[in-house]
Amino acid sequence: MESANKISATLSEQRKLVETLARQLTATQQRGDELRTRLGERAAEQQTLARTLSRAEDIQTAFQAWQDARGQLTAWDETATRFREHEASRNEPLTIIREERASLEKELENLLQQQTEITNLQPQIS
C-alpha cells in the first residue's frame, strides 16, 4: 500500500511537472510566434529603408534643388521688396506732379476763358 501511495505521489508530481512543462511549451511557442511576427515586421522595415537608401542620391539631388529654389525665391522676394520701396518713393513726387499739373491746367483754362472774354469785349471798347 505504501508503495502504491508512493507511486501515486510520484505520478501526481510527474503530472504536475508535465502540466508545468506544457504551460512552458505554450508560452515558448507564443513567444516564438511573437518573435517571428516582429522579425517579419523588421524585415519589411529593412526593405523599406533599403529602398529609401537606394534613392539617396535622387533624394539629395531633389533636396539640393529645393534649397536652390528657396534661395532664388528669397532673392526674388528681396527684389520685390526693393521694387515696392522704390515705387513708394516714386509715388510721392508723381502725386505732387499730378496735383501741380491739375492746378496748372485749371489756371490755363481760367486764362483762356479770360482771353476769350477780353477778345469779346475789345470791339465794345474800341
Foldseek 3Di string as FASTA:
>chain_A
DVVVVVVVVVVVVVVVVVVVVVVVVVVVVVVVVVVVVVVVVVVVVVVVVVVVVVCVVVVVVVVVVVVVVVVVVVVVVVVVVVVVVVVVVVVVVVVVVVVVVVVVVVVVVVVVVVVVVCVVCVVVVD
